[in-house]
Amino acid sequence: MQLRTSSKFLSWEKYYTDSHNRKTYGNATQSALIVYNTTNHNTAAVIGSKNIRKYKVLASMVAEKEGFDFATLIKVGVKKVLEGNYNDWEKFMKQIGYFD
């Protein structure tokens, strides 16, 4: 499967994943309001929702291409749980679309 990304999508992704930007981090609608130059929250919400789906597919594809399939990531998670360092792994898994 090949997904095409636009420069606007890549800009949206930077805002959406920028943990230093409290307004846009993890907020697809706020990120879309900025990047897609719209003031309509409904339009931005639709764009953000579509981009989240695309982002999750792309993220899991890249992870798998780099050798981190779902089974490998679960093994990493179990190791983190046993070490008491689970939170970062869980955030990562949510971000790439494996967990809601």
N, C-alpha and C. Protein backbone atom coordinates (compact mmCIF):
# COMPACT_ATOMS: atom_id res chain seq x y z
N MET A 1 0.85 -1.17 0.00
CA MET A 1 0.00 0.00 0.00
C MET A 1 0.90 1.25 0.00
N GLN A 2 0.57 2.18 -0.85
CA GLN A 2 1.34 3.42 -0.94
C GLN A 2 0.38 4.58 -0.67
N LEU A 3 0.72 5.39 0.30
CA LEU A 3 -0.06 6.59 0.59
C LEU A 3 0.75 7.80 0.18
N ARG A 4 0.09 8.76 -0.43
CA ARG A 4 0.77 9.98 -0.82
C ARG A 4 0.57 11.03 0.26
N THR A 5 1.62 11.77 0.53
CA THR A 5 1.53 12.83 1.52
C THR A 5 1.79 14.16 0.84
N SER A 6 1.03 15.15 1.23
CA SER A 6 1.20 16.51 0.70
C SER A 6 2.04 17.32 1.68
N SER A 7 2.48 18.46 1.22
CA SER A 7 3.24 19.34 2.12
C SER A 7 2.34 19.82 3.27
N LYS A 8 1.05 20.01 2.99
CA LYS A 8 0.14 20.43 4.07
C LYS A 8 -0.02 19.31 5.10
N PHE A 9 -0.11 18.07 4.64
CA PHE A 9 -0.21 16.96 5.58
C PHE A 9 1.04 16.90 6.45
N LEU A 10 2.20 17.06 5.85
CA LEU A 10 3.44 17.00 6.61
C LEU A 10 3.52 18.15 7.62
N SER A 11 3.03 19.33 7.24
CA SER A 11 2.97 20.46 8.19
C SER A 11 2.00 20.16 9.32
N TRP A 12 0.84 19.60 8.95
CA TRP A 12 -0.15 19.22 9.96
C TRP A 12 0.47 18.24 10.94
N GLU A 13 1.20 17.25 10.43
CA GLU A 13 1.83 16.23 11.27
C GLU A 13 2.83 16.86 12.24
N LYS A 14 3.56 17.87 11.79
CA LYS A 14 4.52 18.53 12.68
C LYS A 14 3.80 19.22 13.84
N TYR A 15 2.70 19.91 13.55
CA TYR A 15 1.94 20.54 14.63
C TYR A 15 1.32 19.49 15.54
N TYR A 16 0.74 18.45 14.96
CA TYR A 16 0.03 17.42 15.71
C TYR A 16 0.96 16.66 16.66
N THR A 17 2.22 16.51 16.29
CA THR A 17 3.15 15.73 17.10
C THR A 17 4.14 16.58 17.90
N ASP A 18 4.02 17.89 17.84
CA ASP A 18 4.94 18.79 18.55
C ASP A 18 4.55 18.89 20.02
N SER A 19 5.24 18.15 20.87
CA SER A 19 4.88 18.11 22.29
C SER A 19 5.16 19.44 23.00
N HIS A 20 5.87 20.34 22.36
CA HIS A 20 6.15 21.65 22.96
C HIS A 20 5.04 22.66 22.65
N ASN A 21 4.15 22.32 21.75
CA ASN A 21 3.05 23.21 21.39
C ASN A 21 1.77 22.68 22.04
N ARG A 22 1.44 23.23 23.19
CA ARG A 22 0.29 22.73 23.97
C ARG A 22 -1.03 22.88 23.23
N LYS A 23 -1.11 23.84 22.33
CA LYS A 23 -2.37 24.10 21.62
C LYS A 23 -2.65 23.03 20.56
N THR A 24 -1.60 22.55 19.90
CA THR A 24 -1.82 21.63 18.78
C THR A 24 -1.41 20.19 19.05
N TYR A 25 -0.59 19.95 20.06
CA TYR A 25 -0.10 18.59 20.31
C TYR A 25 -1.25 17.63 20.57
N GLY A 26 -1.38 16.64 19.71
CA GLY A 26 -2.44 15.65 19.85
C GLY A 26 -3.82 16.17 19.50
N ASN A 27 -3.91 17.39 18.98
CA ASN A 27 -5.19 17.99 18.63
C ASN A 27 -5.26 18.17 17.11
N ALA A 28 -5.92 17.23 16.46
CA ALA A 28 -6.00 17.22 15.00
C ALA A 28 -6.74 18.43 14.45
N THR A 29 -7.78 18.86 15.15
CA THR A 29 -8.56 20.01 14.68
C THR A 29 -7.76 21.30 14.76
N GLN A 30 -7.11 21.55 15.89
CA GLN A 30 -6.31 22.77 16.03
C GLN A 30 -5.16 22.79 15.02
N SER A 31 -4.55 21.65 14.80
CA SER A 31 -3.47 21.56 13.81
C SER A 31 -3.99 21.88 12.42
N ALA A 32 -5.17 21.37 12.09
CA ALA A 32 -5.77 21.64 10.78
C ALA A 32 -6.18 23.10 10.63
N LEU A 33 -6.68 23.70 11.71
CA LEU A 33 -7.05 25.13 11.64
C LEU A 33 -5.85 25.99 11.23
N ILE A 34 -4.69 25.65 11.73
CA ILE A 34 -3.48 26.42 11.42
C ILE A 34 -2.99 26.12 10.01
N VAL A 35 -2.81 24.86 9.70
CA VAL A 35 -2.16 24.48 8.44
C VAL A 35 -3.05 24.70 7.22
N TYR A 36 -4.31 24.38 7.33
CA TYR A 36 -5.20 24.45 6.18
C TYR A 36 -5.89 25.81 6.06
N ASN A 37 -5.47 26.76 6.89
CA ASN A 37 -5.92 28.15 6.80
C ASN A 37 -7.44 28.27 6.74
N THR A 38 -8.09 27.62 7.68
CA THR A 38 -9.54 27.71 7.77
C THR A 38 -9.92 28.18 9.17
N THR A 39 -11.06 28.81 9.27
CA THR A 39 -11.58 29.22 10.58
C THR A 39 -12.81 28.39 10.95
N ASN A 40 -13.23 27.52 10.05
CA ASN A 40 -14.40 26.69 10.29
C ASN A 40 -13.98 25.43 11.05
N HIS A 41 -14.43 25.33 12.30
CA HIS A 41 -14.04 24.20 13.15
C HIS A 41 -14.56 22.86 12.62
N ASN A 42 -15.74 22.86 11.99
CA ASN A 42 -16.26 21.60 11.44
C ASN A 42 -15.39 21.11 10.29
N THR A 43 -15.00 22.02 9.42
CA THR A 43 -14.11 21.65 8.31
C THR A 43 -12.78 21.15 8.84
N ALA A 44 -12.22 21.85 9.82
CA ALA A 44 -10.94 21.45 10.40
C ALA A 44 -11.05 20.09 11.09
N ALA A 45 -12.18 19.82 11.73
CA ALA A 45 -12.38 18.53 12.40
C ALA A 45 -12.40 17.39 11.38
N VAL A 46 -13.04 17.60 10.25
CA VAL A 46 -13.09 16.58 9.20
C VAL A 46 -11.69 16.35 8.63
N ILE A 47 -10.98 17.43 8.35
CA ILE A 47 -9.60 17.31 7.84
C ILE A 47 -8.73 16.59 8.86
N GLY A 48 -8.83 17.00 10.12
CA GLY A 48 -8.04 16.38 11.18
C GLY A 48 -8.32 14.90 11.32
N SER A 49 -9.58 14.53 11.25
CA SER A 49 -9.97 13.12 11.36
C SER A 49 -9.38 12.30 10.22
N LYS A 50 -9.46 12.82 9.01
CA LYS A 50 -8.89 12.11 7.85
C LYS A 50 -7.37 11.99 8.00
N ASN A 51 -6.74 13.07 8.47
CA ASN A 51 -5.29 13.04 8.63
C ASN A 51 -4.84 12.06 9.72
N ILE A 52 -5.62 11.93 10.78
CA ILE A 52 -5.28 10.97 11.83
C ILE A 52 -5.28 9.56 11.27
N ARG A 53 -6.30 9.23 10.50
CA ARG A 53 -6.35 7.88 9.89
C ARG A 53 -5.12 7.65 9.00
N LYS A 54 -4.81 8.63 8.18
CA LYS A 54 -3.65 8.53 7.28
C LYS A 54 -2.36 8.42 8.10
N TYR A 55 -2.24 9.23 9.15
CA TYR A 55 -1.05 9.23 10.00
C TYR A 55 -0.83 7.87 10.64
N LYS A 56 -1.89 7.27 11.16
CA LYS A 56 -1.77 5.97 11.82
C LYS A 56 -1.37 4.88 10.84
N VAL A 57 -1.90 4.92 9.64
CA VAL A 57 -1.53 3.92 8.63
C VAL A 57 -0.06 4.11 8.26
N LEU A 58 0.35 5.35 8.02
CA LEU A 58 1.74 5.62 7.67
C LEU A 58 2.69 5.23 8.79
N ALA A 59 2.34 5.56 10.02
CA ALA A 59 3.22 5.25 11.15
C ALA A 59 3.40 3.75 11.32
N SER A 60 2.34 2.99 11.23
CA SER A 60 2.47 1.54 11.38
C SER A 60 3.21 0.93 10.20
N MET A 61 3.03 1.48 9.00
CA MET A 61 3.76 0.98 7.82
C MET A 61 5.27 1.21 7.99
N VAL A 62 5.64 2.38 8.46
CA VAL A 62 7.06 2.68 8.67
C VAL A 62 7.65 1.78 9.75
N ALA A 63 6.92 1.61 10.85
CA ALA A 63 7.39 0.75 11.93
C ALA A 63 7.62 -0.67 11.42
N GLU A 64 6.68 -1.20 10.65
CA GLU A 64 6.82 -2.55 10.13
C GLU A 64 7.97 -2.65 9.13
N LYS A 65 8.12 -1.63 8.30
CA LYS A 65 9.22 -1.62 7.32
C LYS A 65 10.58 -1.63 8.02
N GLU A 66 10.64 -1.02 9.20
CA GLU A 66 11.89 -0.96 9.97
C GLU A 66 12.08 -2.18 10.87
N GLY A 67 11.18 -3.16 10.74
CA GLY A 67 11.33 -4.41 11.49
C GLY A 67 10.57 -4.45 12.80
N PHE A 68 9.70 -3.48 13.04
CA PHE A 68 8.93 -3.45 14.28
C PHE A 68 7.48 -3.79 13.99
N ASP A 69 7.23 -5.08 13.71
CA ASP A 69 5.85 -5.50 13.49
C ASP A 69 5.12 -5.53 14.84
N PHE A 70 3.84 -5.82 14.80
CA PHE A 70 3.03 -5.77 16.02
C PHE A 70 3.56 -6.71 17.09
N ALA A 71 3.95 -7.92 16.70
CA ALA A 71 4.46 -8.89 17.68
C ALA A 71 5.72 -8.37 18.37
N THR A 72 6.62 -7.77 17.60
CA THR A 72 7.85 -7.22 18.17
C THR A 72 7.53 -6.09 19.14
N LEU A 73 6.58 -5.24 18.76
CA LEU A 73 6.22 -4.12 19.63
C LEU A 73 5.57 -4.60 20.92
N ILE A 74 4.81 -5.67 20.86
CA ILE A 74 4.22 -6.24 22.08
C ILE A 74 5.32 -6.77 23.00
N LYS A 75 6.34 -7.42 22.42
CA LYS A 75 7.46 -7.89 23.24
C LYS A 75 8.17 -6.73 23.93
N VAL A 76 8.33 -5.63 23.21
CA VAL A 76 8.93 -4.43 23.81
C VAL A 76 8.05 -3.95 24.96
N GLY A 77 6.74 -3.95 24.75
CA GLY A 77 5.81 -3.51 25.78
C GLY A 77 5.87 -4.37 27.03
N VAL A 78 5.92 -5.67 26.85
CA VAL A 78 6.00 -6.58 28.00
C VAL A 78 7.29 -6.31 28.77
N LYS A 79 8.39 -6.13 28.05
CA LYS A 79 9.65 -5.82 28.70
C LYS A 79 9.56 -4.52 29.50
N LYS A 80 8.91 -3.50 28.91
CA LYS A 80 8.74 -2.22 29.60
C LYS A 80 7.90 -2.37 30.85
N VAL A 81 6.85 -3.17 30.77
CA VAL A 81 6.00 -3.41 31.95
C VAL A 81 6.82 -4.05 33.06
N LEU A 82 7.61 -5.04 32.71
CA LEU A 82 8.42 -5.73 33.71
C LEU A 82 9.48 -4.81 34.32
N GLU A 83 9.95 -3.84 33.54
CA GLU A 83 10.94 -2.88 34.03
C GLU A 83 10.29 -1.70 34.76
N GLY A 84 8.97 -1.60 34.67
CA GLY A 84 8.28 -0.49 35.30
C GLY A 84 8.31 0.80 34.49
N ASN A 85 8.54 0.71 33.18
CA ASN A 85 8.65 1.88 32.32
C ASN A 85 7.69 1.73 31.15
N TYR A 86 6.41 1.70 31.43
CA TYR A 86 5.38 1.36 30.45
C TYR A 86 4.79 2.57 29.75
N ASN A 87 4.73 3.72 30.39
CA ASN A 87 3.98 4.87 29.86
C ASN A 87 4.43 5.34 28.50
N ASP A 88 5.73 5.48 28.27
CA ASP A 88 6.21 5.95 26.98
C ASP A 88 5.86 4.98 25.86
N TRP A 89 6.00 3.69 26.14
CA TRP A 89 5.66 2.68 25.14
C TRP A 89 4.17 2.76 24.80
N GLU A 90 3.33 2.90 25.81
CA GLU A 90 1.89 2.98 25.57
C GLU A 90 1.54 4.20 24.73
N LYS A 91 2.16 5.34 25.02
CA LYS A 91 1.92 6.56 24.22
C LYS A 91 2.33 6.33 22.77
N PHE A 92 3.48 5.68 22.57
CA PHE A 92 3.95 5.39 21.22
C PHE A 92 2.97 4.50 20.48
N MET A 93 2.50 3.45 21.12
CA MET A 93 1.56 2.53 20.48
C MET A 93 0.25 3.23 20.13
N LYS A 94 -0.20 4.14 20.98
CA LYS A 94 -1.40 4.91 20.66
C LYS A 94 -1.15 5.82 19.47
N GLN A 95 0.01 6.46 19.47
CA GLN A 95 0.31 7.40 18.42
C GLN A 95 0.40 6.76 17.04
N ILE A 96 0.87 5.53 16.97
CA ILE A 96 0.96 4.89 15.66
C ILE A 96 -0.28 4.06 15.33
N GLY A 97 -1.28 4.12 16.20
CA GLY A 97 -2.58 3.56 15.85
C GLY A 97 -2.87 2.16 16.30
N TYR A 98 -2.00 1.56 17.10
CA TYR A 98 -2.26 0.20 17.55
C TYR A 98 -3.21 0.19 18.74
N PHE A 99 -3.19 1.20 19.57
CA PHE A 99 -4.08 1.29 20.71
C PHE A 99 -4.90 2.56 20.61
N ASP A 100 -6.11 2.51 21.12
CA ASP A 100 -6.96 3.72 21.16
C ASP A 100 -6.90 4.35 22.52
